[in-house]
Amino acid sequence: EMSNITTAAYVNSIAAMTQLFININPPDSYCDTVSNLVTIPAEKLSR
């Protein structure tokens, strides 16, 4: 819930400054090493 609030605040600030429509989903949670956690966004976006 804390993460939902903080991430939404940043996303909403982007939307407000750009007038872009940005939808976000509730957070998914993981417990792992940091090295494994940071692979998640890269794999989602093929970065």
PDB file of all heavy atoms in Angstrom:
ATOM      1  N   GLU A   1       0.828  -1.198   0.000  1.00  0.00           N
ATOM      2  CA  GLU A   1       0.000   0.000   0.000  1.00  0.00           C
ATOM      3  C   GLU A   1       0.868   1.256   0.000  1.00  0.00           C
ATOM      4  O   GLU A   1       0.580   2.235  -0.694  1.00  0.00           O
ATOM      5  CB  GLU A   1      -0.932   0.011   1.203  1.00  0.00           C
ATOM      6  CG  GLU A   1      -1.871   1.218   1.263  1.00  0.00           C
ATOM      7  CD  GLU A   1      -2.781   1.329   0.051  1.00  0.00           C
ATOM      8  OE1 GLU A   1      -3.044   0.296  -0.616  1.00  0.00           O
ATOM      9  OE2 GLU A   1      -3.235   2.452  -0.253  1.00  0.00           O
ATOM     10  N   MET A   2       1.954   1.215   0.780  1.00  0.00           N
ATOM     11  CA  MET A   2       2.883   2.341   0.772  1.00  0.00           C
ATOM     12  C   MET A   2       3.464   2.547  -0.629  1.00  0.00           C
ATOM     13  O   MET A   2       3.522   3.666  -1.148  1.00  0.00           O
ATOM     14  CB  MET A   2       4.017   2.085   1.777  1.00  0.00           C
ATOM     15  CG  MET A   2       5.081   3.173   1.857  1.00  0.00           C
ATOM     16  SD  MET A   2       6.384   3.099   0.566  1.00  0.00           S
ATOM     17  CE  MET A   2       7.014   1.437   0.803  1.00  0.00           C
ATOM     18  N   SER A   3       3.871   1.443  -1.251  1.00  0.00           N
ATOM     19  CA  SER A   3       4.459   1.528  -2.584  1.00  0.00           C
ATOM     20  C   SER A   3       3.444   2.003  -3.610  1.00  0.00           C
ATOM     21  O   SER A   3       3.783   2.769  -4.527  1.00  0.00           O
ATOM     22  CB  SER A   3       5.016   0.164  -2.990  1.00  0.00           C
ATOM     23  OG  SER A   3       5.660   0.227  -4.239  1.00  0.00           O
ATOM     24  N   ASN A   4       2.209   1.569  -3.463  1.00  0.00           N
ATOM     25  CA  ASN A   4       1.147   2.013  -4.366  1.00  0.00           C
ATOM     26  C   ASN A   4       0.996   3.530  -4.321  1.00  0.00           C
ATOM     27  O   ASN A   4       0.831   4.193  -5.354  1.00  0.00           O
ATOM     28  CB  ASN A   4      -0.168   1.334  -3.985  1.00  0.00           C
ATOM     29  CG  ASN A   4      -1.269   1.577  -4.984  1.00  0.00           C
ATOM     30  OD1 ASN A   4      -1.062   1.487  -6.190  1.00  0.00           O
ATOM     31  ND2 ASN A   4      -2.455   1.904  -4.489  1.00  0.00           N
ATOM     32  N   ILE A   5       1.083   4.095  -3.120  1.00  0.00           N
ATOM     33  CA  ILE A   5       0.947   5.540  -2.952  1.00  0.00           C
ATOM     34  C   ILE A   5       2.137   6.282  -3.541  1.00  0.00           C
ATOM     35  O   ILE A   5       1.983   7.261  -4.276  1.00  0.00           O
ATOM     36  CB  ILE A   5       0.773   5.885  -1.462  1.00  0.00           C
ATOM     37  CG1 ILE A   5      -0.625   5.465  -0.978  1.00  0.00           C
ATOM     38  CG2 ILE A   5       0.990   7.377  -1.210  1.00  0.00           C
ATOM     39  CD1 ILE A   5      -0.824   5.590   0.506  1.00  0.00           C
ATOM     40  N   THR A   6       3.347   5.836  -3.221  1.00  0.00           N
ATOM     41  CA  THR A   6       4.531   6.561  -3.678  1.00  0.00           C
ATOM     42  C   THR A   6       4.714   6.473  -5.191  1.00  0.00           C
ATOM     43  O   THR A   6       4.987   7.480  -5.851  1.00  0.00           O
ATOM     44  CB  THR A   6       5.797   6.064  -2.964  1.00  0.00           C
ATOM     45  OG1 THR A   6       5.922   4.644  -3.120  1.00  0.00           O
ATOM     46  CG2 THR A   6       5.755   6.392  -1.485  1.00  0.00           C
ATOM     47  N   THR A   7       4.551   5.280  -5.748  1.00  0.00           N
ATOM     48  CA  THR A   7       4.721   5.152  -7.199  1.00  0.00           C
ATOM     49  C   THR A   7       3.624   5.920  -7.936  1.00  0.00           C
ATOM     50  O   THR A   7       3.896   6.578  -8.949  1.00  0.00           O
ATOM     51  CB  THR A   7       4.730   3.681  -7.639  1.00  0.00           C
ATOM     52  OG1 THR A   7       3.566   3.008  -7.141  1.00  0.00           O
ATOM     53  CG2 THR A   7       5.960   2.962  -7.134  1.00  0.00           C
ATOM     54  N   ALA A   8       2.390   5.839  -7.433  1.00  0.00           N
ATOM     55  CA  ALA A   8       1.292   6.573  -8.071  1.00  0.00           C
ATOM     56  C   ALA A   8       1.551   8.070  -8.040  1.00  0.00           C
ATOM     57  O   ALA A   8       1.217   8.785  -8.993  1.00  0.00           O
ATOM     58  CB  ALA A   8      -0.032   6.248  -7.388  1.00  0.00           C
ATOM     59  N   ALA A   9       2.143   8.563  -6.969  1.00  0.00           N
ATOM     60  CA  ALA A   9       2.432   9.999  -6.865  1.00  0.00           C
ATOM     61  C   ALA A   9       3.392  10.441  -7.961  1.00  0.00           C
ATOM     62  O   ALA A   9       3.202  11.498  -8.578  1.00  0.00           O
ATOM     63  CB  ALA A   9       3.014  10.315  -5.490  1.00  0.00           C
ATOM     64  N   TYR A  10       4.412   9.650  -8.216  1.00  0.00           N
ATOM     65  CA  TYR A  10       5.361  10.003  -9.277  1.00  0.00           C
ATOM     66  C   TYR A  10       4.717   9.892 -10.655  1.00  0.00           C
ATOM     67  O   TYR A  10       4.910  10.761 -11.514  1.00  0.00           O
ATOM     68  CB  TYR A  10       6.603   9.120  -9.189  1.00  0.00           C
ATOM     69  CG  TYR A  10       7.500   9.484  -8.031  1.00  0.00           C
ATOM     70  CD1 TYR A  10       7.631   8.663  -6.924  1.00  0.00           C
ATOM     71  CD2 TYR A  10       8.221  10.685  -8.034  1.00  0.00           C
ATOM     72  CE1 TYR A  10       8.438   9.004  -5.857  1.00  0.00           C
ATOM     73  CE2 TYR A  10       9.029  11.042  -6.967  1.00  0.00           C
ATOM     74  CZ  TYR A  10       9.131  10.197  -5.879  1.00  0.00           C
ATOM     75  OH  TYR A  10       9.924  10.561  -4.817  1.00  0.00           O
ATOM     76  N   VAL A  11       3.967   8.841 -10.871  1.00  0.00           N
ATOM     77  CA  VAL A  11       3.307   8.664 -12.170  1.00  0.00           C
ATOM     78  C   VAL A  11       2.302   9.786 -12.406  1.00  0.00           C
ATOM     79  O   VAL A  11       2.206  10.341 -13.512  1.00  0.00           O
ATOM     80  CB  VAL A  11       2.619   7.292 -12.258  1.00  0.00           C
ATOM     81  CG1 VAL A  11       1.779   7.182 -13.526  1.00  0.00           C
ATOM     82  CG2 VAL A  11       3.658   6.175 -12.231  1.00  0.00           C
ATOM     83  N   ASN A  12       1.553  10.160 -11.377  1.00  0.00           N
ATOM     84  CA  ASN A  12       0.570  11.237 -11.522  1.00  0.00           C
ATOM     85  C   ASN A  12       1.241  12.574 -11.805  1.00  0.00           C
ATOM     86  O   ASN A  12       0.681  13.426 -12.517  1.00  0.00           O
ATOM     87  CB  ASN A  12      -0.293  11.337 -10.264  1.00  0.00           C
ATOM     88  CG  ASN A  12      -1.265  10.182 -10.136  1.00  0.00           C
ATOM     89  OD1 ASN A  12      -1.578   9.508 -11.120  1.00  0.00           O
ATOM     90  ND2 ASN A  12      -1.742   9.926  -8.932  1.00  0.00           N
ATOM     91  N   SER A  13       2.431  12.784 -11.255  1.00  0.00           N
ATOM     92  CA  SER A  13       3.144  14.030 -11.538  1.00  0.00           C
ATOM     93  C   SER A  13       3.591  14.080 -12.995  1.00  0.00           C
ATOM     94  O   SER A  13       3.567  15.142 -13.624  1.00  0.00           O
ATOM     95  CB  SER A  13       4.338  14.201 -10.595  1.00  0.00           C
ATOM     96  OG  SER A  13       5.361  13.263 -10.853  1.00  0.00           O
ATOM     97  N   ILE A  14       3.975  12.933 -13.553  1.00  0.00           N
ATOM     98  CA  ILE A  14       4.315  12.873 -14.978  1.00  0.00           C
ATOM     99  C   ILE A  14       3.076  13.177 -15.814  1.00  0.00           C
ATOM    100  O   ILE A  14       3.120  13.978 -16.762  1.00  0.00           O
ATOM    101  CB  ILE A  14       4.874  11.491 -15.346  1.00  0.00           C
ATOM    102  CG1 ILE A  14       6.220  11.252 -14.648  1.00  0.00           C
ATOM    103  CG2 ILE A  14       5.038  11.357 -16.861  1.00  0.00           C
ATOM    104  CD1 ILE A  14       6.758   9.842 -14.823  1.00  0.00           C
ATOM    105  N   ALA A  15       1.961  12.548 -15.464  1.00  0.00           N
ATOM    106  CA  ALA A  15       0.722  12.750 -16.219  1.00  0.00           C
ATOM    107  C   ALA A  15       0.272  14.205 -16.163  1.00  0.00           C
ATOM    108  O   ALA A  15      -0.172  14.776 -17.165  1.00  0.00           O
ATOM    109  CB  ALA A  15      -0.371  11.827 -15.682  1.00  0.00           C
ATOM    110  N   ALA A  16       0.387  14.828 -14.992  1.00  0.00           N
ATOM    111  CA  ALA A  16      -0.054  16.214 -14.836  1.00  0.00           C
ATOM    112  C   ALA A  16       0.801  17.175 -15.649  1.00  0.00           C
ATOM    113  O   ALA A  16       0.294  18.139 -16.238  1.00  0.00           O
ATOM    114  CB  ALA A  16      -0.031  16.606 -13.363  1.00  0.00           C
ATOM    115  N   MET A  17       2.106  16.918 -15.707  1.00  0.00           N
ATOM    116  CA  MET A  17       3.000  17.822 -16.416  1.00  0.00           C
ATOM    117  C   MET A  17       2.963  17.628 -17.930  1.00  0.00           C
ATOM    118  O   MET A  17       3.329  18.532 -18.679  1.00  0.00           O
ATOM    119  CB  MET A  17       4.436  17.640 -15.912  1.00  0.00           C
ATOM    120  CG  MET A  17       4.672  18.169 -14.511  1.00  0.00           C
ATOM    121  SD  MET A  17       6.415  18.062 -13.999  1.00  0.00           S
ATOM    122  CE  MET A  17       7.165  19.274 -15.090  1.00  0.00           C
ATOM    123  N   THR A  18       2.516  16.457 -18.369  1.00  0.00           N
ATOM    124  CA  THR A  18       2.560  16.151 -19.804  1.00  0.00           C
ATOM    125  C   THR A  18       1.187  16.050 -20.449  1.00  0.00           C
ATOM    126  O   THR A  18       1.088  16.027 -21.675  1.00  0.00           O
ATOM    127  CB  THR A  18       3.280  14.814 -20.032  1.00  0.00           C
ATOM    128  OG1 THR A  18       2.563  13.760 -19.347  1.00  0.00           O
ATOM    129  CG2 THR A  18       4.709  14.867 -19.529  1.00  0.00           C
ATOM    130  N   GLN A  19       0.127  15.942 -19.608  1.00  0.00           N
ATOM    131  CA  GLN A  19      -1.222  15.701 -20.103  1.00  0.00           C
ATOM    132  C   GLN A  19      -1.315  14.353 -20.838  1.00  0.00           C
ATOM    133  O   GLN A  19      -2.168  14.169 -21.711  1.00  0.00           O
ATOM    134  CB  GLN A  19      -1.687  16.837 -21.024  1.00  0.00           C
ATOM    135  CG  GLN A  19      -1.721  18.193 -20.350  1.00  0.00           C
ATOM    136  CD  GLN A  19      -2.629  18.212 -19.114  1.00  0.00           C
ATOM    137  OE1 GLN A  19      -3.809  17.897 -19.192  1.00  0.00           O
ATOM    138  NE2 GLN A  19      -2.062  18.572 -17.971  1.00  0.00           N
ATOM    139  N   LEU A  20      -0.441  13.433 -20.485  1.00  0.00           N
ATOM    140  CA  LEU A  20      -0.500  12.078 -21.033  1.00  0.00           C
ATOM    141  C   LEU A  20      -1.442  11.236 -20.190  1.00  0.00           C
ATOM    142  O   LEU A  20      -1.560  11.426 -18.970  1.00  0.00           O
ATOM    143  CB  LEU A  20       0.883  11.434 -21.033  1.00  0.00           C
ATOM    144  CG  LEU A  20       1.917  12.000 -22.008  1.00  0.00           C
ATOM    145  CD1 LEU A  20       3.304  11.452 -21.680  1.00  0.00           C
ATOM    146  CD2 LEU A  20       1.541  11.665 -23.450  1.00  0.00           C
ATOM    147  N   PHE A  21      -2.119  10.283 -20.844  1.00  0.00           N
ATOM    148  CA  PHE A  21      -2.923   9.320 -20.099  1.00  0.00           C
ATOM    149  C   PHE A  21      -2.021   8.161 -19.704  1.00  0.00           C
ATOM    150  O   PHE A  21      -1.421   7.499 -20.555  1.00  0.00           O
ATOM    151  CB  PHE A  21      -4.083   8.792 -20.951  1.00  0.00           C
ATOM    152  CG  PHE A  21      -4.797   7.623 -20.310  1.00  0.00           C
ATOM    153  CD1 PHE A  21      -5.635   7.818 -19.225  1.00  0.00           C
ATOM    154  CD2 PHE A  21      -4.601   6.326 -20.782  1.00  0.00           C
ATOM    155  CE1 PHE A  21      -6.268   6.753 -18.611  1.00  0.00           C
ATOM    156  CE2 PHE A  21      -5.234   5.247 -20.175  1.00  0.00           C
ATOM    157  CZ  PHE A  21      -6.076   5.466 -19.088  1.00  0.00           C
ATOM    158  N   ILE A  22      -1.895   7.956 -18.396  1.00  0.00           N
ATOM    159  CA  ILE A  22      -1.059   6.864 -17.886  1.00  0.00           C
ATOM    160  C   ILE A  22      -1.874   6.075 -16.871  1.00  0.00           C
ATOM    161  O   ILE A  22      -2.350   6.631 -15.877  1.00  0.00           O
ATOM    162  CB  ILE A  22       0.222   7.380 -17.219  1.00  0.00           C
ATOM    163  CG1 ILE A  22       0.958   8.360 -18.135  1.00  0.00           C
ATOM    164  CG2 ILE A  22       1.131   6.208 -16.854  1.00  0.00           C
ATOM    165  CD1 ILE A  22       2.147   9.041 -17.474  1.00  0.00           C
ATOM    166  N   ASN A  23      -2.042   4.803 -17.132  1.00  0.00           N
ATOM    167  CA  ASN A  23      -2.766   3.926 -16.215  1.00  0.00           C
ATOM    168  C   ASN A  23      -1.754   3.041 -15.490  1.00  0.00           C
ATOM    169  O   ASN A  23      -0.767   2.602 -16.070  1.00  0.00           O
ATOM    170  CB  ASN A  23      -3.758   3.048 -16.989  1.00  0.00           C
ATOM    171  CG  ASN A  23      -4.617   2.213 -16.047  1.00  0.00           C
ATOM    172  OD1 ASN A  23      -5.222   2.728 -15.119  1.00  0.00           O
ATOM    173  ND2 ASN A  23      -4.652   0.907 -16.278  1.00  0.00           N
ATOM    174  N   ILE A  24      -1.997   2.826 -14.194  1.00  0.00           N
ATOM    175  CA  ILE A  24      -1.122   1.933 -13.443  1.00  0.00           C
ATOM    176  C   ILE A  24      -1.968   0.858 -12.769  1.00  0.00           C
ATOM    177  O   ILE A  24      -3.126   1.079 -12.420  1.00  0.00           O
ATOM    178  CB  ILE A  24      -0.289   2.684 -12.381  1.00  0.00           C
ATOM    179  CG1 ILE A  24      -1.189   3.416 -11.378  1.00  0.00           C
ATOM    180  CG2 ILE A  24       0.673   3.652 -13.041  1.00  0.00           C
ATOM    181  CD1 ILE A  24      -0.408   4.040 -10.235  1.00  0.00           C
ATOM    182  N   ASN A  25      -1.358  -0.305 -12.607  1.00  0.00           N
ATOM    183  CA  ASN A  25      -1.996  -1.415 -11.936  1.00  0.00           C
ATOM    184  C   ASN A  25      -1.495  -1.498 -10.496  1.00  0.00           C
ATOM    185  O   ASN A  25      -0.433  -0.946 -10.173  1.00  0.00           O
ATOM    186  CB  ASN A  25      -1.678  -2.726 -12.669  1.00  0.00           C
ATOM    187  CG  ASN A  25      -2.225  -2.731 -14.084  1.00  0.00           C
ATOM    188  OD1 ASN A  25      -3.365  -2.369 -14.311  1.00  0.00           O
ATOM    189  ND2 ASN A  25      -1.404  -3.132 -15.045  1.00  0.00           N
ATOM    190  N   PRO A  26      -2.231  -2.190  -9.613  1.00  0.00           N
ATOM    191  CA  PRO A  26      -1.724  -2.376  -8.243  1.00  0.00           C
ATOM    192  C   PRO A  26      -0.357  -3.052  -8.268  1.00  0.00           C
ATOM    193  O   PRO A  26      -0.055  -3.838  -9.171  1.00  0.00           O
ATOM    194  CB  PRO A  26      -2.784  -3.280  -7.602  1.00  0.00           C
ATOM    195  CG  PRO A  26      -4.024  -3.034  -8.387  1.00  0.00           C
ATOM    196  CD  PRO A  26      -3.567  -2.791  -9.796  1.00  0.00           C
ATOM    197  N   PRO A  27       0.497  -2.754  -7.280  1.00  0.00           N
ATOM    198  CA  PRO A  27       1.852  -3.300  -7.287  1.00  0.00           C
ATOM    199  C   PRO A  27       1.870  -4.824  -7.177  1.00  0.00           C
ATOM    200  O   PRO A  27       1.047  -5.427  -6.488  1.00  0.00           O
ATOM    201  CB  PRO A  27       2.494  -2.669  -6.046  1.00  0.00           C
ATOM    202  CG  PRO A  27       1.649  -1.505  -5.705  1.00  0.00           C
ATOM    203  CD  PRO A  27       0.262  -1.858  -6.138  1.00  0.00           C
ATOM    204  N   ASP A  28       2.830  -5.423  -7.867  1.00  0.00           N
ATOM    205  CA  ASP A  28       3.178  -6.826  -7.650  1.00  0.00           C
ATOM    206  C   ASP A  28       4.352  -6.850  -6.689  1.00  0.00           C
ATOM    207  O   ASP A  28       5.252  -6.005  -6.764  1.00  0.00           O
ATOM    208  CB  ASP A  28       3.577  -7.500  -8.965  1.00  0.00           C
ATOM    209  CG  ASP A  28       2.400  -7.648  -9.919  1.00  0.00           C
ATOM    210  OD1 ASP A  28       1.293  -7.962  -9.442  1.00  0.00           O
ATOM    211  OD2 ASP A  28       2.588  -7.440 -11.131  1.00  0.00           O
ATOM    212  N   SER A  29       4.374  -7.814  -5.775  1.00  0.00           N
ATOM    213  CA  SER A  29       5.421  -7.860  -4.755  1.00  0.00           C
ATOM    214  C   SER A  29       6.299  -9.087  -4.930  1.00  0.00           C
ATOM    215  O   SER A  29       5.835 -10.158  -5.331  1.00  0.00           O
ATOM    216  CB  SER A  29       4.811  -7.833  -3.352  1.00  0.00           C
ATOM    217  OG  SER A  29       3.923  -8.911  -3.169  1.00  0.00           O
ATOM    218  N   TYR A  30       7.577  -8.900  -4.614  1.00  0.00           N
ATOM    219  CA  TYR A  30       8.558  -9.970  -4.720  1.00  0.00           C
ATOM    220  C   TYR A  30       9.506  -9.880  -3.533  1.00  0.00           C
ATOM    221  O   TYR A  30       9.761  -8.793  -3.011  1.00  0.00           O
ATOM    222  CB  TYR A  30       9.382  -9.845  -6.008  1.00  0.00           C
ATOM    223  CG  TYR A  30       8.556  -9.736  -7.269  1.00  0.00           C
ATOM    224  CD1 TYR A  30       8.079  -8.487  -7.700  1.00  0.00           C
ATOM    225  CD2 TYR A  30       8.258 -10.852  -8.036  1.00  0.00           C
ATOM    226  CE1 TYR A  30       7.327  -8.372  -8.859  1.00  0.00           C
ATOM    227  CE2 TYR A  30       7.497 -10.740  -9.198  1.00  0.00           C
ATOM    228  CZ  TYR A  30       7.042  -9.504  -9.603  1.00  0.00           C
ATOM    229  OH  TYR A  30       6.297  -9.391 -10.759  1.00  0.00           O
ATOM    230  N   CYS A  31      10.041 -11.000  -3.121  1.00  0.00           N
ATOM    231  CA  CYS A  31      11.103 -11.033  -2.116  1.00  0.00           C
ATOM    232  C   CYS A  31      12.261 -11.804  -2.727  1.00  0.00           C
ATOM    233  O   CYS A  31      12.137 -12.998  -3.007  1.00  0.00           O
ATOM    234  CB  CYS A  31      10.621 -11.687  -0.815  1.00  0.00           C
ATOM    235  SG  CYS A  31      11.879 -11.689   0.497  1.00  0.00           S
ATOM    236  N   ASP A  32      13.378 -11.108  -2.954  1.00  0.00           N
ATOM    237  CA  ASP A  32      14.494 -11.735  -3.657  1.00  0.00           C
ATOM    238  C   ASP A  32      15.732 -10.879  -3.453  1.00  0.00           C
ATOM    239  O   ASP A  32      15.682  -9.839  -2.786  1.00  0.00           O
ATOM    240  CB  ASP A  32      14.154 -11.864  -5.145  1.00  0.00           C
ATOM    241  CG  ASP A  32      14.831 -13.080  -5.798  1.00  0.00           C
ATOM    242  OD1 ASP A  32      15.948 -13.430  -5.359  1.00  0.00           O
ATOM    243  OD2 ASP A  32      14.244 -13.654  -6.724  1.00  0.00           O
ATOM    244  N   THR A  33      16.835 -11.291  -4.052  1.00  0.00           N
ATOM    245  CA  THR A  33      18.022 -10.452  -4.026  1.00  0.00           C
ATOM    246  C   THR A  33      17.800  -9.246  -4.932  1.00  0.00           C
ATOM    247  O   THR A  33      17.010  -9.299  -5.881  1.00  0.00           O
ATOM    248  CB  THR A  33      19.256 -11.227  -4.505  1.00  0.00           C
ATOM    249  OG1 THR A  33      19.049 -11.651  -5.858  1.00  0.00           O
ATOM    250  CG2 THR A  33      19.528 -12.425  -3.612  1.00  0.00           C
ATOM    251  N   VAL A  34      18.508  -8.168  -4.642  1.00  0.00           N
ATOM    252  CA  VAL A  34      18.356  -6.958  -5.440  1.00  0.00           C
ATOM    253  C   VAL A  34      18.700  -7.228  -6.903  1.00  0.00           C
ATOM    254  O   VAL A  34      18.034  -6.737  -7.809  1.00  0.00           O
ATOM    255  CB  VAL A  34      19.234  -5.825  -4.869  1.00  0.00           C
ATOM    256  CG1 VAL A  34      19.267  -4.626  -5.808  1.00  0.00           C
ATOM    257  CG2 VAL A  34      18.724  -5.397  -3.497  1.00  0.00           C
ATOM    258  N   SER A  35      19.725  -8.041  -7.141  1.00  0.00           N
ATOM    259  CA  SER A  35      20.121  -8.321  -8.521  1.00  0.00           C
ATOM    260  C   SER A  35      18.998  -8.989  -9.298  1.00  0.00           C
ATOM    261  O   SER A  35      18.802  -8.712 -10.489  1.00  0.00           O
ATOM    262  CB  SER A  35      21.378  -9.192  -8.564  1.00  0.00           C
ATOM    263  OG  SER A  35      21.156 -10.441  -7.940  1.00  0.00           O
ATOM    264  N   ASN A  36      18.230  -9.862  -8.643  1.00  0.00           N
ATOM    265  CA  ASN A  36      17.099 -10.502  -9.313  1.00  0.00           C
ATOM    266  C   ASN A  36      15.917  -9.546  -9.455  1.00  0.00           C
ATOM    267  O   ASN A  36      15.199  -9.578 -10.467  1.00  0.00           O
ATOM    268  CB  ASN A  36      16.668 -11.756  -8.557  1.00  0.00           C
ATOM    269  CG  ASN A  36      17.639 -12.900  -8.719  1.00  0.00           C
ATOM    270  OD1 ASN A  36      18.388 -12.958  -9.692  1.00  0.00           O
ATOM    271  ND2 ASN A  36      17.648 -13.818  -7.763  1.00  0.00           N
ATOM    272  N   LEU A  37      15.718  -8.691  -8.466  1.00  0.00           N
ATOM    273  CA  LEU A  37      14.601  -7.747  -8.534  1.00  0.00           C
ATOM    274  C   LEU A  37      14.754  -6.778  -9.702  1.00  0.00           C
ATOM    275  O   LEU A  37      13.778  -6.469 -10.385  1.00  0.00           O
ATOM    276  CB  LEU A  37      14.492  -6.960  -7.224  1.00  0.00           C
ATOM    277  CG  LEU A  37      14.075  -7.754  -5.972  1.00  0.00           C
ATOM    278  CD1 LEU A  37      14.161  -6.868  -4.734  1.00  0.00           C
ATOM    279  CD2 LEU A  37      12.679  -8.333  -6.119  1.00  0.00           C
ATOM    280  N   VAL A  38      15.972  -6.305  -9.942  1.00  0.00           N
ATOM    281  CA  VAL A  38      16.148  -5.290 -10.978  1.00  0.00           C
ATOM    282  C   VAL A  38      16.027  -5.876 -12.393  1.00  0.00           C
ATOM    283  O   VAL A  38      15.906  -5.118 -13.363  1.00  0.00           O
ATOM    284  CB  VAL A  38      17.493  -4.541 -10.829  1.00  0.00           C
ATOM    285  CG1 VAL A  38      17.564  -3.828  -9.494  1.00  0.00           C
ATOM    286  CG2 VAL A  38      18.678  -5.472 -11.020  1.00  0.00           C
ATOM    287  N   THR A  39      16.044  -7.202 -12.493  1.00  0.00           N
ATOM    288  CA  THR A  39      15.843  -7.793 -13.818  1.00  0.00           C
ATOM    289  C   THR A  39      14.376  -7.744 -14.252  1.00  0.00           C
ATOM    290  O   THR A  39      14.088  -7.854 -15.446  1.00  0.00           O
ATOM    291  CB  THR A  39      16.307  -9.261 -13.854  1.00  0.00           C
ATOM    292  OG1 THR A  39      15.482 -10.057 -12.990  1.00  0.00           O
ATOM    293  CG2 THR A  39      17.767  -9.390 -13.429  1.00  0.00           C
ATOM    294  N   ILE A  40      13.470  -7.570 -13.300  1.00  0.00           N
ATOM    295  CA  ILE A  40      12.038  -7.649 -13.615  1.00  0.00           C
ATOM    296  C   ILE A  40      11.608  -6.568 -14.612  1.00  0.00           C
ATOM    297  O   ILE A  40      11.007  -6.887 -15.645  1.00  0.00           O
ATOM    298  CB  ILE A  40      11.200  -7.601 -12.320  1.00  0.00           C
ATOM    299  CG1 ILE A  40      11.523  -8.813 -11.432  1.00  0.00           C
ATOM    300  CG2 ILE A  40       9.703  -7.587 -12.651  1.00  0.00           C
ATOM    301  CD1 ILE A  40      10.948  -8.733 -10.037  1.00  0.00           C
ATOM    302  N   PRO A  41      11.890  -5.270 -14.350  1.00  0.00           N
ATOM    303  CA  PRO A  41      11.492  -4.267 -15.347  1.00  0.00           C
ATOM    304  C   PRO A  41      12.183  -4.471 -16.695  1.00  0.00           C
ATOM    305  O   PRO A  41      11.573  -4.243 -17.746  1.00  0.00           O
ATOM    306  CB  PRO A  41      11.921  -2.939 -14.704  1.00  0.00           C
ATOM    307  CG  PRO A  41      11.980  -3.228 -13.243  1.00  0.00           C
ATOM    308  CD  PRO A  41      12.468  -4.634 -13.160  1.00  0.00           C
ATOM    309  N   ALA A  42      13.440  -4.872 -16.676  1.00  0.00           N
ATOM    310  CA  ALA A  42      14.173  -5.075 -17.930  1.00  0.00           C
ATOM    311  C   ALA A  42      13.521  -6.160 -18.768  1.00  0.00           C
ATOM    312  O   ALA A  42      13.376  -6.025 -19.993  1.00  0.00           O
ATOM    313  CB  ALA A  42      15.633  -5.439 -17.636  1.00  0.00           C
ATOM    314  N   GLU A  43      13.104  -7.239 -18.117  1.00  0.00           N
ATOM    315  CA  GLU A  43      12.464  -8.329 -18.847  1.00  0.00           C
ATOM    316  C   GLU A  43      11.078  -7.926 -19.340  1.00  0.00           C
ATOM    317  O   GLU A  43      10.666  -8.304 -20.443  1.00  0.00           O
ATOM    318  CB  GLU A  43      12.379  -9.560 -17.953  1.00  0.00           C
ATOM    319  CG  GLU A  43      13.753 -10.172 -17.662  1.00  0.00           C
ATOM    320  CD  GLU A  43      13.688 -11.293 -16.638  1.00  0.00           C
ATOM    321  OE1 GLU A  43      12.591 -11.500 -16.051  1.00  0.00           O
ATOM    322  OE2 GLU A  43      14.730 -11.940 -16.401  1.00  0.00           O
ATOM    323  N   LYS A  44      10.356  -7.145 -18.537  1.00  0.00           N
ATOM    324  CA  LYS A  44       9.024  -6.696 -18.955  1.00  0.00           C
ATOM    325  C   LYS A  44       9.097  -5.841 -20.220  1.00  0.00           C
ATOM    326  O   LYS A  44       8.207  -5.900 -21.080  1.00  0.00           O
ATOM    327  CB  LYS A  44       8.367  -5.865 -17.840  1.00  0.00           C
ATOM    328  CG  LYS A  44       7.845  -6.654 -16.644  1.00  0.00           C
ATOM    329  CD  LYS A  44       7.325  -5.694 -15.588  1.00  0.00           C
ATOM    330  CE  LYS A  44       6.756  -6.398 -14.371  1.00  0.00           C
ATOM    331  NZ  LYS A  44       5.425  -6.979 -14.622  1.00  0.00           N
ATOM    332  N   LEU A  45      10.167  -5.034 -20.336  1.00  0.00           N
ATOM    333  CA  LEU A  45      10.250  -4.039 -21.405  1.00  0.00           C
ATOM    334  C   LEU A  45      11.330  -4.360 -22.432  1.00  0.00           C
ATOM    335  O   LEU A  45      11.568  -3.562 -23.342  1.00  0.00           O
ATOM    336  CB  LEU A  45      10.523  -2.663 -20.804  1.00  0.00           C
ATOM    337  CG  LEU A  45       9.460  -2.157 -19.830  1.00  0.00           C
ATOM    338  CD1 LEU A  45       9.951  -0.926 -19.090  1.00  0.00           C
ATOM    339  CD2 LEU A  45       8.162  -1.843 -20.564  1.00  0.00           C
ATOM    340  N   SER A  46      11.978  -5.512 -22.268  1.00  0.00           N
ATOM    341  CA  SER A  46      13.055  -5.910 -23.181  1.00  0.00           C
ATOM    342  C   SER A  46      14.117  -4.825 -23.282  1.00  0.00           C
ATOM    343  O   SER A  46      14.587  -4.476 -24.364  1.00  0.00           O
ATOM    344  CB  SER A  46      12.484  -6.224 -24.577  1.00  0.00           C
ATOM    345  OG  SER A  46      11.550  -7.271 -24.508  1.00  0.00           O
ATOM    346  N   ARG A  47      14.509  -4.280 -22.144  1.00  0.00           N
ATOM    347  CA  ARG A  47      15.519  -3.225 -22.112  1.00  0.00           C
ATOM    348  C   ARG A  47      16.913  -3.812 -22.004  1.00  0.00           C
ATOM    349  O   ARG A  47      17.146  -4.792 -21.302  1.00  0.00           O
ATOM    350  CB  ARG A  47      15.272  -2.288 -20.927  1.00  0.00           C
ATOM    351  CG  ARG A  47      14.097  -1.348 -21.093  1.00  0.00           C
ATOM    352  CD  ARG A  47      14.317  -0.297 -22.150  1.00  0.00           C
ATOM    353  NE  ARG A  47      15.468   0.537 -21.846  1.00  0.00           N
ATOM    354  CZ  ARG A  47      15.412   1.627 -21.094  1.00  0.00           C
ATOM    355  NH1 ARG A  47      14.274   2.042 -20.577  1.00  0.00           N
ATOM    356  NH2 ARG A  47      16.503   2.328 -20.860  1.00  0.00           N
TER     357      ARG A  47
END
